[in-house]
Amino acid sequence: MTAPGPGTVRPGGRTARVRDAVREATLAELSDRGYQGLTVEGVAARSGVHKTTVYRRWGSADGLVADALDRAAAEPWPIPDTGSLADDLRALARLVADGFADPVEGPIARAFVLAPAQSGDAARSLHSFFARRHEQAAVIARRAVERGEVPEGTDAAEVVRVAVAPLYYRLFITGEPADGRAADRAAAAACAAARAGALTAAPDP
């Protein structure tokens, strides 16, 4: 039997309230201080949970980030359904761009993306988070296949990746603006590639 993960001991009741309080405090600390400034002591003080409890259940700042990402991955994402692949992808890309531009959510999202460079636990949790998000959003491309907008065999998750990847490149590699115009261009490129059959699933080797 493996040991329970961070914050998962005896779910429900007081433990659930403690986990919620610690998660909210973790997000607030990430927003105010970023990943580098995140500490167990800071989260404990903000949440009102004794630091001994936080250490015992989450272990470290990395454990706090990993748990917050794991919980975020399980939450639903507002997937656009406009009746058009082009419009769905545009709305999705703008959702991502707007999230990073938000004065509260933006710093948290940036901290989540940057944390894996220094934490293996955070890297694994971020991978799971994106896998879940891609799967949730893949319905956009599946609907497009059903409507005949894109070829059968289109890799639905890859369409989503192509639509949002340029925004992450701008934000975390080049430092260029990832605004509405950039979101629209990325979405249009993904839509064109999907319609041209460039994003069909690769055959098994």
N, C-alpha and C. Protein backbone atom coordinates (compact mmCIF):
# COMPACT_ATOMS: atom_id res chain seq x y z
N MET A 1 0.85 -1.20 0.00
CA MET A 1 0.00 0.00 0.00
C MET A 1 0.88 1.24 0.00
N THR A 2 0.60 2.18 -0.91
CA THR A 2 1.38 3.40 -0.98
C THR A 2 0.84 4.43 -0.01
N ALA A 3 1.70 5.32 0.39
CA ALA A 3 1.29 6.39 1.30
C ALA A 3 0.38 7.35 0.57
N PRO A 4 -0.63 7.92 1.24
CA PRO A 4 -1.52 8.89 0.61
C PRO A 4 -0.76 10.13 0.18
N GLY A 5 -1.23 10.76 -0.89
CA GLY A 5 -0.58 11.96 -1.40
C GLY A 5 -0.84 13.16 -0.53
N PRO A 6 -0.24 14.29 -0.87
CA PRO A 6 -0.38 15.49 -0.06
C PRO A 6 -1.83 15.89 0.16
N GLY A 7 -2.19 16.12 1.41
CA GLY A 7 -3.52 16.64 1.72
C GLY A 7 -4.64 15.66 1.50
N THR A 8 -4.35 14.33 1.36
CA THR A 8 -5.41 13.38 1.04
C THR A 8 -5.79 12.49 2.22
N VAL A 9 -5.22 12.73 3.38
CA VAL A 9 -5.52 11.89 4.53
C VAL A 9 -6.95 12.15 5.00
N ARG A 10 -7.70 11.07 5.17
CA ARG A 10 -9.07 11.15 5.68
C ARG A 10 -9.87 12.29 5.05
N PRO A 11 -10.20 12.18 3.74
CA PRO A 11 -10.92 13.25 3.06
C PRO A 11 -12.28 13.49 3.69
N GLY A 12 -12.71 14.72 3.66
CA GLY A 12 -14.00 15.07 4.23
C GLY A 12 -13.84 15.71 5.59
N GLY A 13 -14.85 16.43 6.03
CA GLY A 13 -14.84 17.03 7.35
C GLY A 13 -13.72 18.03 7.53
N ARG A 14 -13.07 17.93 8.68
CA ARG A 14 -12.03 18.90 9.00
C ARG A 14 -10.89 18.85 8.00
N THR A 15 -10.49 17.66 7.57
CA THR A 15 -9.38 17.56 6.63
C THR A 15 -9.68 18.28 5.34
N ALA A 16 -10.92 18.17 4.86
CA ALA A 16 -11.30 18.87 3.63
C ALA A 16 -11.22 20.38 3.82
N ARG A 17 -11.65 20.85 4.99
CA ARG A 17 -11.59 22.29 5.25
C ARG A 17 -10.15 22.77 5.34
N VAL A 18 -9.30 21.96 5.97
CA VAL A 18 -7.89 22.32 6.06
C VAL A 18 -7.27 22.36 4.67
N ARG A 19 -7.57 21.36 3.87
CA ARG A 19 -6.99 21.32 2.52
C ARG A 19 -7.45 22.51 1.70
N ASP A 20 -8.73 22.86 1.81
CA ASP A 20 -9.24 24.02 1.07
C ASP A 20 -8.54 25.30 1.52
N ALA A 21 -8.39 25.45 2.84
CA ALA A 21 -7.76 26.65 3.37
C ALA A 21 -6.30 26.75 2.90
N VAL A 22 -5.61 25.63 2.94
CA VAL A 22 -4.21 25.63 2.53
C VAL A 22 -4.08 25.89 1.04
N ARG A 23 -4.98 25.31 0.26
CA ARG A 23 -4.92 25.55 -1.19
C ARG A 23 -5.15 27.02 -1.51
N GLU A 24 -6.17 27.63 -0.89
CA GLU A 24 -6.44 29.04 -1.14
C GLU A 24 -5.26 29.90 -0.70
N ALA A 25 -4.65 29.55 0.40
CA ALA A 25 -3.49 30.30 0.87
C ALA A 25 -2.31 30.12 -0.09
N THR A 26 -2.15 28.92 -0.62
CA THR A 26 -1.07 28.67 -1.59
C THR A 26 -1.25 29.53 -2.82
N LEU A 27 -2.47 29.58 -3.34
CA LEU A 27 -2.73 30.39 -4.53
C LEU A 27 -2.51 31.87 -4.24
N ALA A 28 -2.92 32.32 -3.06
CA ALA A 28 -2.74 33.73 -2.70
C ALA A 28 -1.26 34.06 -2.57
N GLU A 29 -0.49 33.16 -1.96
CA GLU A 29 0.95 33.39 -1.82
C GLU A 29 1.65 33.39 -3.18
N LEU A 30 1.23 32.50 -4.07
CA LEU A 30 1.80 32.49 -5.42
C LEU A 30 1.50 33.78 -6.15
N SER A 31 0.27 34.28 -5.97
CA SER A 31 -0.11 35.52 -6.63
C SER A 31 0.70 36.70 -6.10
N ASP A 32 0.92 36.73 -4.79
CA ASP A 32 1.61 37.86 -4.17
C ASP A 32 3.14 37.76 -4.29
N ARG A 33 3.68 36.53 -4.18
CA ARG A 33 5.12 36.38 -4.03
C ARG A 33 5.79 35.56 -5.13
N GLY A 34 4.98 34.86 -5.93
CA GLY A 34 5.56 34.00 -6.96
C GLY A 34 6.09 32.71 -6.36
N TYR A 35 6.56 31.82 -7.22
CA TYR A 35 7.05 30.52 -6.75
C TYR A 35 8.25 30.68 -5.83
N GLN A 36 9.16 31.59 -6.18
CA GLN A 36 10.37 31.76 -5.37
C GLN A 36 10.05 32.20 -3.95
N GLY A 37 8.95 32.92 -3.78
CA GLY A 37 8.60 33.42 -2.45
C GLY A 37 7.64 32.53 -1.68
N LEU A 38 7.27 31.40 -2.28
CA LEU A 38 6.32 30.50 -1.62
C LEU A 38 7.03 29.69 -0.53
N THR A 39 6.51 29.74 0.69
CA THR A 39 7.07 28.97 1.80
C THR A 39 5.94 28.32 2.59
N VAL A 40 6.28 27.23 3.25
CA VAL A 40 5.32 26.56 4.13
C VAL A 40 4.88 27.52 5.23
N GLU A 41 5.84 28.27 5.79
CA GLU A 41 5.51 29.20 6.87
C GLU A 41 4.52 30.27 6.39
N GLY A 42 4.73 30.79 5.20
CA GLY A 42 3.83 31.80 4.67
C GLY A 42 2.43 31.26 4.45
N VAL A 43 2.33 30.06 3.90
CA VAL A 43 1.03 29.44 3.66
C VAL A 43 0.35 29.13 4.99
N ALA A 44 1.11 28.64 5.95
CA ALA A 44 0.54 28.34 7.26
C ALA A 44 -0.03 29.60 7.91
N ALA A 45 0.73 30.68 7.87
CA ALA A 45 0.27 31.93 8.48
C ALA A 45 -0.98 32.45 7.79
N ARG A 46 -1.00 32.39 6.47
CA ARG A 46 -2.15 32.93 5.73
C ARG A 46 -3.39 32.06 5.90
N SER A 47 -3.20 30.75 5.97
CA SER A 47 -4.34 29.83 6.05
C SER A 47 -4.88 29.65 7.46
N GLY A 48 -4.04 29.96 8.46
CA GLY A 48 -4.44 29.71 9.84
C GLY A 48 -4.25 28.27 10.26
N VAL A 49 -3.57 27.49 9.42
CA VAL A 49 -3.28 26.09 9.73
C VAL A 49 -1.87 26.03 10.29
N HIS A 50 -1.68 25.29 11.37
CA HIS A 50 -0.36 25.23 12.01
C HIS A 50 0.66 24.69 11.03
N LYS A 51 1.85 25.26 11.03
CA LYS A 51 2.87 24.87 10.06
C LYS A 51 3.28 23.41 10.21
N THR A 52 3.16 22.86 11.43
CA THR A 52 3.47 21.45 11.61
C THR A 52 2.52 20.58 10.79
N THR A 53 1.26 20.97 10.75
CA THR A 53 0.27 20.24 9.96
C THR A 53 0.58 20.36 8.48
N VAL A 54 0.95 21.56 8.04
CA VAL A 54 1.27 21.76 6.63
C VAL A 54 2.49 20.94 6.24
N TYR A 55 3.50 20.95 7.06
CA TYR A 55 4.70 20.15 6.78
C TYR A 55 4.37 18.67 6.73
N ARG A 56 3.53 18.21 7.67
CA ARG A 56 3.22 16.79 7.74
C ARG A 56 2.45 16.32 6.50
N ARG A 57 1.53 17.14 6.03
CA ARG A 57 0.68 16.69 4.93
C ARG A 57 1.21 17.05 3.54
N TRP A 58 1.93 18.18 3.44
CA TRP A 58 2.40 18.61 2.11
C TRP A 58 3.92 18.55 1.97
N GLY A 59 4.61 18.54 3.07
CA GLY A 59 6.05 18.33 3.05
C GLY A 59 6.89 19.55 2.75
N SER A 60 6.49 20.33 1.75
CA SER A 60 7.32 21.45 1.31
C SER A 60 6.50 22.35 0.41
N ALA A 61 7.12 23.45 -0.04
CA ALA A 61 6.45 24.34 -0.99
C ALA A 61 6.15 23.59 -2.29
N ASP A 62 7.05 22.70 -2.70
CA ASP A 62 6.82 21.91 -3.91
C ASP A 62 5.57 21.05 -3.76
N GLY A 63 5.38 20.47 -2.59
CA GLY A 63 4.19 19.67 -2.35
C GLY A 63 2.92 20.49 -2.41
N LEU A 64 2.99 21.73 -1.92
CA LEU A 64 1.84 22.62 -1.99
C LEU A 64 1.48 22.94 -3.44
N VAL A 65 2.49 23.23 -4.26
CA VAL A 65 2.25 23.52 -5.67
C VAL A 65 1.69 22.30 -6.38
N ALA A 66 2.28 21.14 -6.13
CA ALA A 66 1.82 19.91 -6.78
C ALA A 66 0.37 19.62 -6.44
N ASP A 67 0.01 19.80 -5.18
CA ASP A 67 -1.37 19.52 -4.77
C ASP A 67 -2.34 20.51 -5.40
N ALA A 68 -1.96 21.78 -5.46
CA ALA A 68 -2.82 22.78 -6.08
C ALA A 68 -3.03 22.47 -7.56
N LEU A 69 -1.97 22.03 -8.25
CA LEU A 69 -2.11 21.66 -9.66
C LEU A 69 -2.98 20.42 -9.83
N ASP A 70 -2.80 19.44 -8.96
CA ASP A 70 -3.61 18.23 -9.05
C ASP A 70 -5.09 18.55 -8.90
N ARG A 71 -5.41 19.43 -7.98
CA ARG A 71 -6.81 19.80 -7.77
C ARG A 71 -7.33 20.63 -8.93
N ALA A 72 -6.49 21.50 -9.47
CA ALA A 72 -6.92 22.31 -10.61
C ALA A 72 -7.20 21.44 -11.83
N ALA A 73 -6.41 20.38 -12.00
CA ALA A 73 -6.59 19.50 -13.16
C ALA A 73 -7.96 18.83 -13.14
N ALA A 74 -8.51 18.61 -11.96
CA ALA A 74 -9.79 17.93 -11.84
C ALA A 74 -10.98 18.87 -12.03
N GLU A 75 -10.72 20.17 -12.07
CA GLU A 75 -11.81 21.13 -12.20
C GLU A 75 -12.20 21.31 -13.67
N PRO A 76 -13.49 21.52 -13.95
CA PRO A 76 -13.92 21.71 -15.34
C PRO A 76 -13.40 23.01 -15.92
N TRP A 77 -13.23 23.03 -17.23
CA TRP A 77 -12.75 24.20 -17.96
C TRP A 77 -13.87 24.66 -18.87
N PRO A 78 -14.16 25.95 -18.96
CA PRO A 78 -15.26 26.42 -19.82
C PRO A 78 -14.90 26.32 -21.30
N ILE A 79 -15.24 25.20 -21.92
CA ILE A 79 -14.87 24.94 -23.30
C ILE A 79 -15.86 25.63 -24.24
N PRO A 80 -15.37 26.44 -25.19
CA PRO A 80 -16.28 27.14 -26.12
C PRO A 80 -17.04 26.15 -27.01
N ASP A 81 -18.24 26.52 -27.38
CA ASP A 81 -19.04 25.71 -28.32
C ASP A 81 -19.85 26.67 -29.19
N THR A 82 -19.16 27.23 -30.19
CA THR A 82 -19.78 28.25 -31.04
C THR A 82 -20.40 27.67 -32.31
N GLY A 83 -20.09 26.40 -32.60
CA GLY A 83 -20.57 25.80 -33.84
C GLY A 83 -19.57 25.91 -34.98
N SER A 84 -18.40 26.48 -34.71
CA SER A 84 -17.37 26.67 -35.72
C SER A 84 -16.01 26.39 -35.10
N LEU A 85 -15.17 25.60 -35.80
CA LEU A 85 -13.83 25.33 -35.28
C LEU A 85 -13.03 26.61 -35.13
N ALA A 86 -13.09 27.47 -36.12
CA ALA A 86 -12.32 28.71 -36.08
C ALA A 86 -12.70 29.56 -34.87
N ASP A 87 -14.00 29.69 -34.64
CA ASP A 87 -14.45 30.51 -33.51
C ASP A 87 -14.17 29.84 -32.17
N ASP A 88 -14.30 28.51 -32.12
CA ASP A 88 -14.00 27.80 -30.88
C ASP A 88 -12.53 27.96 -30.50
N LEU A 89 -11.65 27.78 -31.48
CA LEU A 89 -10.22 27.90 -31.19
C LEU A 89 -9.84 29.34 -30.83
N ARG A 90 -10.48 30.30 -31.48
CA ARG A 90 -10.20 31.70 -31.15
C ARG A 90 -10.62 31.99 -29.71
N ALA A 91 -11.80 31.50 -29.33
CA ALA A 91 -12.27 31.73 -27.96
C ALA A 91 -11.37 31.02 -26.96
N LEU A 92 -10.91 29.81 -27.30
CA LEU A 92 -10.04 29.07 -26.39
C LEU A 92 -8.70 29.79 -26.21
N ALA A 93 -8.11 30.23 -27.31
CA ALA A 93 -6.82 30.92 -27.23
C ALA A 93 -6.95 32.22 -26.45
N ARG A 94 -8.05 32.92 -26.64
CA ARG A 94 -8.25 34.16 -25.88
C ARG A 94 -8.47 33.87 -24.40
N LEU A 95 -9.08 32.74 -24.09
CA LEU A 95 -9.26 32.35 -22.70
C LEU A 95 -7.91 32.19 -22.03
N VAL A 96 -6.97 31.56 -22.74
CA VAL A 96 -5.62 31.38 -22.20
C VAL A 96 -4.92 32.74 -22.05
N ALA A 97 -4.98 33.54 -23.10
CA ALA A 97 -4.32 34.84 -23.07
C ALA A 97 -4.89 35.73 -21.96
N ASP A 98 -6.20 35.74 -21.83
CA ASP A 98 -6.85 36.56 -20.80
C ASP A 98 -6.47 36.08 -19.40
N GLY A 99 -6.32 34.75 -19.25
CA GLY A 99 -5.96 34.21 -17.94
C GLY A 99 -4.59 34.71 -17.50
N PHE A 100 -3.63 34.71 -18.41
CA PHE A 100 -2.30 35.18 -18.06
C PHE A 100 -2.27 36.69 -17.86
N ALA A 101 -3.17 37.42 -18.51
CA ALA A 101 -3.21 38.87 -18.37
C ALA A 101 -3.95 39.32 -17.11
N ASP A 102 -4.73 38.42 -16.51
CA ASP A 102 -5.50 38.78 -15.32
C ASP A 102 -4.56 39.12 -14.16
N PRO A 103 -4.82 40.23 -13.47
CA PRO A 103 -3.89 40.66 -12.40
C PRO A 103 -3.81 39.69 -11.23
N VAL A 104 -4.84 38.89 -11.01
CA VAL A 104 -4.83 37.92 -9.92
C VAL A 104 -4.44 36.54 -10.43
N GLU A 105 -5.11 36.06 -11.47
CA GLU A 105 -4.86 34.72 -11.97
C GLU A 105 -3.53 34.62 -12.72
N GLY A 106 -3.12 35.70 -13.37
CA GLY A 106 -1.91 35.66 -14.17
C GLY A 106 -0.66 35.25 -13.41
N PRO A 107 -0.36 35.90 -12.28
CA PRO A 107 0.83 35.52 -11.52
C PRO A 107 0.80 34.07 -11.04
N ILE A 108 -0.39 33.57 -10.71
CA ILE A 108 -0.51 32.19 -10.28
C ILE A 108 -0.20 31.25 -11.43
N ALA A 109 -0.79 31.54 -12.60
CA ALA A 109 -0.54 30.70 -13.77
C ALA A 109 0.93 30.70 -14.15
N ARG A 110 1.56 31.85 -14.10
CA ARG A 110 3.00 31.93 -14.42
C ARG A 110 3.83 31.11 -13.42
N ALA A 111 3.47 31.20 -12.15
CA ALA A 111 4.20 30.44 -11.14
C ALA A 111 4.06 28.95 -11.36
N PHE A 112 2.86 28.50 -11.73
CA PHE A 112 2.65 27.08 -12.00
C PHE A 112 3.51 26.60 -13.16
N VAL A 113 3.62 27.42 -14.21
CA VAL A 113 4.40 27.01 -15.39
C VAL A 113 5.89 27.02 -15.08
N LEU A 114 6.35 27.94 -14.26
CA LEU A 114 7.77 28.06 -13.96
C LEU A 114 8.25 27.09 -12.88
N ALA A 115 7.36 26.66 -12.00
CA ALA A 115 7.77 25.81 -10.88
C ALA A 115 8.42 24.49 -11.31
N PRO A 116 7.95 23.83 -12.37
CA PRO A 116 8.57 22.54 -12.74
C PRO A 116 10.05 22.61 -13.06
N ALA A 117 10.56 23.78 -13.40
CA ALA A 117 11.99 23.90 -13.68
C ALA A 117 12.81 23.62 -12.43
N GLN A 118 12.19 23.71 -11.26
CA GLN A 118 12.93 23.52 -10.01
C GLN A 118 12.36 22.40 -9.14
N SER A 119 11.32 21.73 -9.62
CA SER A 119 10.68 20.72 -8.80
C SER A 119 10.16 19.58 -9.66
N GLY A 120 10.65 18.37 -9.37
CA GLY A 120 10.16 17.21 -10.10
C GLY A 120 8.69 16.93 -9.82
N ASP A 121 8.27 17.12 -8.57
CA ASP A 121 6.86 16.91 -8.23
C ASP A 121 5.97 17.87 -9.00
N ALA A 122 6.38 19.13 -9.06
CA ALA A 122 5.60 20.12 -9.78
C ALA A 122 5.59 19.80 -11.28
N ALA A 123 6.69 19.31 -11.81
CA ALA A 123 6.76 18.96 -13.23
C ALA A 123 5.77 17.85 -13.55
N ARG A 124 5.71 16.84 -12.72
CA ARG A 124 4.77 15.74 -12.95
C ARG A 124 3.33 16.23 -12.83
N SER A 125 3.07 17.08 -11.87
CA SER A 125 1.72 17.60 -11.69
C SER A 125 1.31 18.51 -12.84
N LEU A 126 2.26 19.31 -13.34
CA LEU A 126 1.94 20.19 -14.46
C LEU A 126 1.66 19.37 -15.71
N HIS A 127 2.43 18.29 -15.91
CA HIS A 127 2.18 17.40 -17.05
C HIS A 127 0.76 16.84 -16.98
N SER A 128 0.35 16.37 -15.81
CA SER A 128 -0.99 15.83 -15.64
C SER A 128 -2.05 16.91 -15.85
N PHE A 129 -1.75 18.11 -15.37
CA PHE A 129 -2.68 19.22 -15.53
C PHE A 129 -2.93 19.51 -17.01
N PHE A 130 -1.86 19.63 -17.78
CA PHE A 130 -2.02 19.94 -19.20
C PHE A 130 -2.67 18.78 -19.94
N ALA A 131 -2.34 17.54 -19.58
CA ALA A 131 -2.97 16.40 -20.23
C ALA A 131 -4.48 16.43 -20.02
N ARG A 132 -4.90 16.78 -18.81
CA ARG A 132 -6.34 16.89 -18.52
C ARG A 132 -6.97 18.04 -19.29
N ARG A 133 -6.30 19.19 -19.32
CA ARG A 133 -6.83 20.33 -20.05
C ARG A 133 -6.94 20.02 -21.56
N HIS A 134 -5.92 19.38 -22.11
CA HIS A 134 -5.96 19.04 -23.54
C HIS A 134 -7.11 18.09 -23.84
N GLU A 135 -7.32 17.14 -22.94
CA GLU A 135 -8.41 16.19 -23.16
C GLU A 135 -9.76 16.88 -23.06
N GLN A 136 -9.90 17.80 -22.12
CA GLN A 136 -11.17 18.53 -21.99
C GLN A 136 -11.45 19.37 -23.24
N ALA A 137 -10.40 20.02 -23.75
CA ALA A 137 -10.59 20.92 -24.89
C ALA A 137 -10.64 20.19 -26.22
N ALA A 138 -10.20 18.93 -26.25
CA ALA A 138 -10.15 18.19 -27.51
C ALA A 138 -11.52 18.02 -28.14
N VAL A 139 -12.57 18.15 -27.33
CA VAL A 139 -13.93 18.04 -27.88
C VAL A 139 -14.16 19.07 -28.98
N ILE A 140 -13.45 20.19 -28.92
CA ILE A 140 -13.58 21.21 -29.96
C ILE A 140 -13.26 20.62 -31.33
N ALA A 141 -12.15 19.90 -31.41
CA ALA A 141 -11.74 19.30 -32.69
C ALA A 141 -12.63 18.11 -33.05
N ARG A 142 -13.05 17.35 -32.04
CA ARG A 142 -13.93 16.20 -32.34
C ARG A 142 -15.25 16.66 -32.94
N ARG A 143 -15.78 17.75 -32.43
CA ARG A 143 -17.01 18.29 -33.01
C ARG A 143 -16.76 18.74 -34.45
N ALA A 144 -15.58 19.31 -34.69
CA ALA A 144 -15.26 19.76 -36.04
C ALA A 144 -15.17 18.59 -37.01
N VAL A 145 -14.66 17.45 -36.54
CA VAL A 145 -14.63 16.25 -37.38
C VAL A 145 -16.06 15.82 -37.71
N GLU A 146 -16.93 15.82 -36.70
CA GLU A 146 -18.32 15.42 -36.92
C GLU A 146 -19.03 16.35 -37.89
N ARG A 147 -18.67 17.62 -37.88
CA ARG A 147 -19.29 18.58 -38.80
C ARG A 147 -18.66 18.53 -40.19
N GLY A 148 -17.58 17.79 -40.34
CA GLY A 148 -16.91 17.72 -41.63
C GLY A 148 -15.98 18.88 -41.90
N GLU A 149 -15.63 19.64 -40.86
CA GLU A 149 -14.73 20.78 -41.05
C GLU A 149 -13.28 20.35 -41.21
N VAL A 150 -12.92 19.24 -40.58
CA VAL A 150 -11.54 18.75 -40.64
C VAL A 150 -11.59 17.26 -40.95
N PRO A 151 -10.48 16.69 -41.46
CA PRO A 151 -10.49 15.29 -41.87
C PRO A 151 -10.67 14.32 -40.70
N GLU A 152 -11.21 13.14 -41.03
CA GLU A 152 -11.22 12.04 -40.07
C GLU A 152 -9.77 11.74 -39.67
N GLY A 153 -9.58 11.36 -38.43
CA GLY A 153 -8.25 11.05 -37.96
C GLY A 153 -7.47 12.24 -37.45
N THR A 154 -8.09 13.42 -37.43
CA THR A 154 -7.42 14.59 -36.88
C THR A 154 -7.12 14.36 -35.40
N ASP A 155 -5.91 14.66 -35.01
CA ASP A 155 -5.49 14.52 -33.61
C ASP A 155 -6.08 15.69 -32.83
N ALA A 156 -7.15 15.43 -32.10
CA ALA A 156 -7.89 16.51 -31.45
C ALA A 156 -7.05 17.25 -30.42
N ALA A 157 -6.28 16.51 -29.62
CA ALA A 157 -5.46 17.17 -28.61
C ALA A 157 -4.36 18.00 -29.26
N GLU A 158 -3.84 17.54 -30.39
CA GLU A 158 -2.78 18.29 -31.07
C GLU A 158 -3.31 19.62 -31.62
N VAL A 159 -4.54 19.63 -32.07
CA VAL A 159 -5.14 20.88 -32.52
C VAL A 159 -5.14 21.90 -31.39
N VAL A 160 -5.48 21.45 -30.20
CA VAL A 160 -5.49 22.35 -29.03
C VAL A 160 -4.08 22.84 -28.73
N ARG A 161 -3.11 21.92 -28.76
CA ARG A 161 -1.72 22.32 -28.48
C ARG A 161 -1.25 23.39 -29.46
N VAL A 162 -1.52 23.18 -30.73
CA VAL A 162 -1.06 24.12 -31.76
C VAL A 162 -1.74 25.48 -31.58
N ALA A 163 -2.95 25.49 -31.08
CA ALA A 163 -3.68 26.75 -30.91
C ALA A 163 -3.15 27.58 -29.75
N VAL A 164 -2.62 26.93 -28.72
CA VAL A 164 -2.20 27.70 -27.54
C VAL A 164 -0.68 27.77 -27.36
N ALA A 165 0.06 26.87 -28.02
CA ALA A 165 1.51 26.84 -27.82
C ALA A 165 2.20 28.16 -28.15
N PRO A 166 1.81 28.88 -29.22
CA PRO A 166 2.48 30.15 -29.50
C PRO A 166 2.35 31.17 -28.38
N LEU A 167 1.27 31.09 -27.62
CA LEU A 167 1.10 32.02 -26.51
C LEU A 167 2.11 31.73 -25.40
N TYR A 168 2.32 30.45 -25.11
CA TYR A 168 3.32 30.09 -24.10
C TYR A 168 4.73 30.44 -24.58
N TYR A 169 4.98 30.28 -25.86
CA TYR A 169 6.28 30.64 -26.41
C TYR A 169 6.54 32.14 -26.21
N ARG A 170 5.54 32.96 -26.48
CA ARG A 170 5.69 34.40 -26.30
C ARG A 170 5.87 34.75 -24.82
N LEU A 171 5.10 34.13 -23.97
CA LEU A 171 5.12 34.48 -22.55
C LEU A 171 6.40 34.04 -21.86
N PHE A 172 6.88 32.83 -22.18
CA PHE A 172 7.95 32.25 -21.38
C PHE A 172 9.28 32.10 -22.11
N ILE A 173 9.31 32.34 -23.40
CA ILE A 173 10.56 32.22 -24.14
C ILE A 173 11.04 33.58 -24.65
N THR A 174 10.19 34.26 -25.42
CA THR A 174 10.64 35.52 -26.04
C THR A 174 10.22 36.75 -25.27
N GLY A 175 9.25 36.63 -24.37
CA GLY A 175 8.79 37.79 -23.63
C GLY A 175 7.96 38.75 -24.46
N GLU A 176 7.45 38.30 -25.58
CA GLU A 176 6.61 39.14 -26.43
C GLU A 176 5.18 39.17 -25.88
N PRO A 177 4.38 40.14 -26.31
CA PRO A 177 2.99 40.19 -25.84
C PRO A 177 2.21 38.97 -26.31
N ALA A 178 1.41 38.44 -25.41
CA ALA A 178 0.50 37.35 -25.75
C ALA A 178 -0.92 37.88 -25.59
N ASP A 179 -1.26 38.83 -26.46
CA ASP A 179 -2.52 39.53 -26.35
C ASP A 179 -3.59 38.90 -27.25
N GLY A 180 -4.70 39.60 -27.39
CA GLY A 180 -5.79 39.08 -28.21
C GLY A 180 -5.39 38.86 -29.65
N ARG A 181 -4.59 39.74 -30.19
CA ARG A 181 -4.16 39.58 -31.57
C ARG A 181 -3.31 38.33 -31.74
N ALA A 182 -2.40 38.10 -30.80
CA ALA A 182 -1.57 36.90 -30.85
C ALA A 182 -2.43 35.65 -30.70
N ALA A 183 -3.43 35.72 -29.83
CA ALA A 183 -4.32 34.58 -29.64
C ALA A 183 -5.09 34.27 -30.91
N ASP A 184 -5.58 35.31 -31.58
CA ASP A 184 -6.35 35.10 -32.81
C ASP A 184 -5.48 34.49 -33.91
N ARG A 185 -4.25 34.95 -34.01
CA ARG A 185 -3.34 34.41 -35.04
C ARG A 185 -3.00 32.95 -34.76
N ALA A 186 -2.75 32.62 -33.50
CA ALA A 186 -2.43 31.24 -33.15
C ALA A 186 -3.62 30.32 -33.45
N ALA A 187 -4.81 30.78 -33.10
CA ALA A 187 -6.01 29.99 -33.35
C ALA A 187 -6.24 29.80 -34.85
N ALA A 188 -6.05 30.86 -35.62
CA ALA A 188 -6.24 30.76 -37.07
C ALA A 188 -5.25 29.80 -37.70
N ALA A 189 -4.00 29.81 -37.22
CA ALA A 189 -2.99 28.90 -37.74
C ALA A 189 -3.35 27.45 -37.43
N ALA A 190 -3.81 27.19 -36.21
CA ALA A 190 -4.20 25.84 -35.83
C ALA A 190 -5.39 25.37 -36.66
N CYS A 191 -6.34 26.25 -36.87
CA CYS A 191 -7.52 25.91 -37.67
C CYS A 191 -7.12 25.57 -39.11
N ALA A 192 -6.26 26.39 -39.70
CA ALA A 192 -5.82 26.15 -41.08
C ALA A 192 -5.07 24.84 -41.20
N ALA A 193 -4.20 24.56 -40.21
CA ALA A 193 -3.43 23.32 -40.24
C ALA A 193 -4.35 22.10 -40.11
N ALA A 194 -5.34 22.20 -39.24
CA ALA A 194 -6.27 21.08 -39.06
C ALA A 194 -7.09 20.86 -40.33
N ARG A 195 -7.57 21.92 -40.93
CA ARG A 195 -8.37 21.77 -42.15
C ARG A 195 -7.56 21.21 -43.31
N ALA A 196 -6.26 21.52 -43.31
CA ALA A 196 -5.38 21.02 -44.39
C ALA A 196 -4.93 19.59 -44.15
N GLY A 197 -5.31 19.01 -43.03
CA GLY A 197 -4.92 17.64 -42.74
C GLY A 197 -3.53 17.49 -42.15
N ALA A 198 -2.92 18.60 -41.76
CA ALA A 198 -1.57 18.55 -41.21
C ALA A 198 -1.53 18.04 -39.77
N LEU A 199 -2.68 17.94 -39.12
CA LEU A 199 -2.71 17.54 -37.71
C LEU A 199 -3.44 16.21 -37.52
N THR A 200 -3.40 15.36 -38.53
CA THR A 200 -3.95 14.02 -38.36
C THR A 200 -3.02 13.20 -37.50
N ALA A 201 -3.61 12.25 -36.79
CA ALA A 201 -2.81 11.42 -35.89
C ALA A 201 -1.81 10.59 -36.67
N ALA A 202 -0.58 10.52 -36.15
CA ALA A 202 0.46 9.74 -36.81
C ALA A 202 0.13 8.24 -36.68
N PRO A 203 0.39 7.44 -37.72
CA PRO A 203 0.12 6.01 -37.63
C PRO A 203 1.08 5.34 -36.65
N ASP A 204 0.64 4.26 -36.05
CA ASP A 204 1.50 3.51 -35.14
C ASP A 204 2.71 2.97 -35.91
N PRO A 205 3.91 3.02 -35.30
CA PRO A 205 5.09 2.50 -36.01
C PRO A 205 5.00 0.97 -36.18
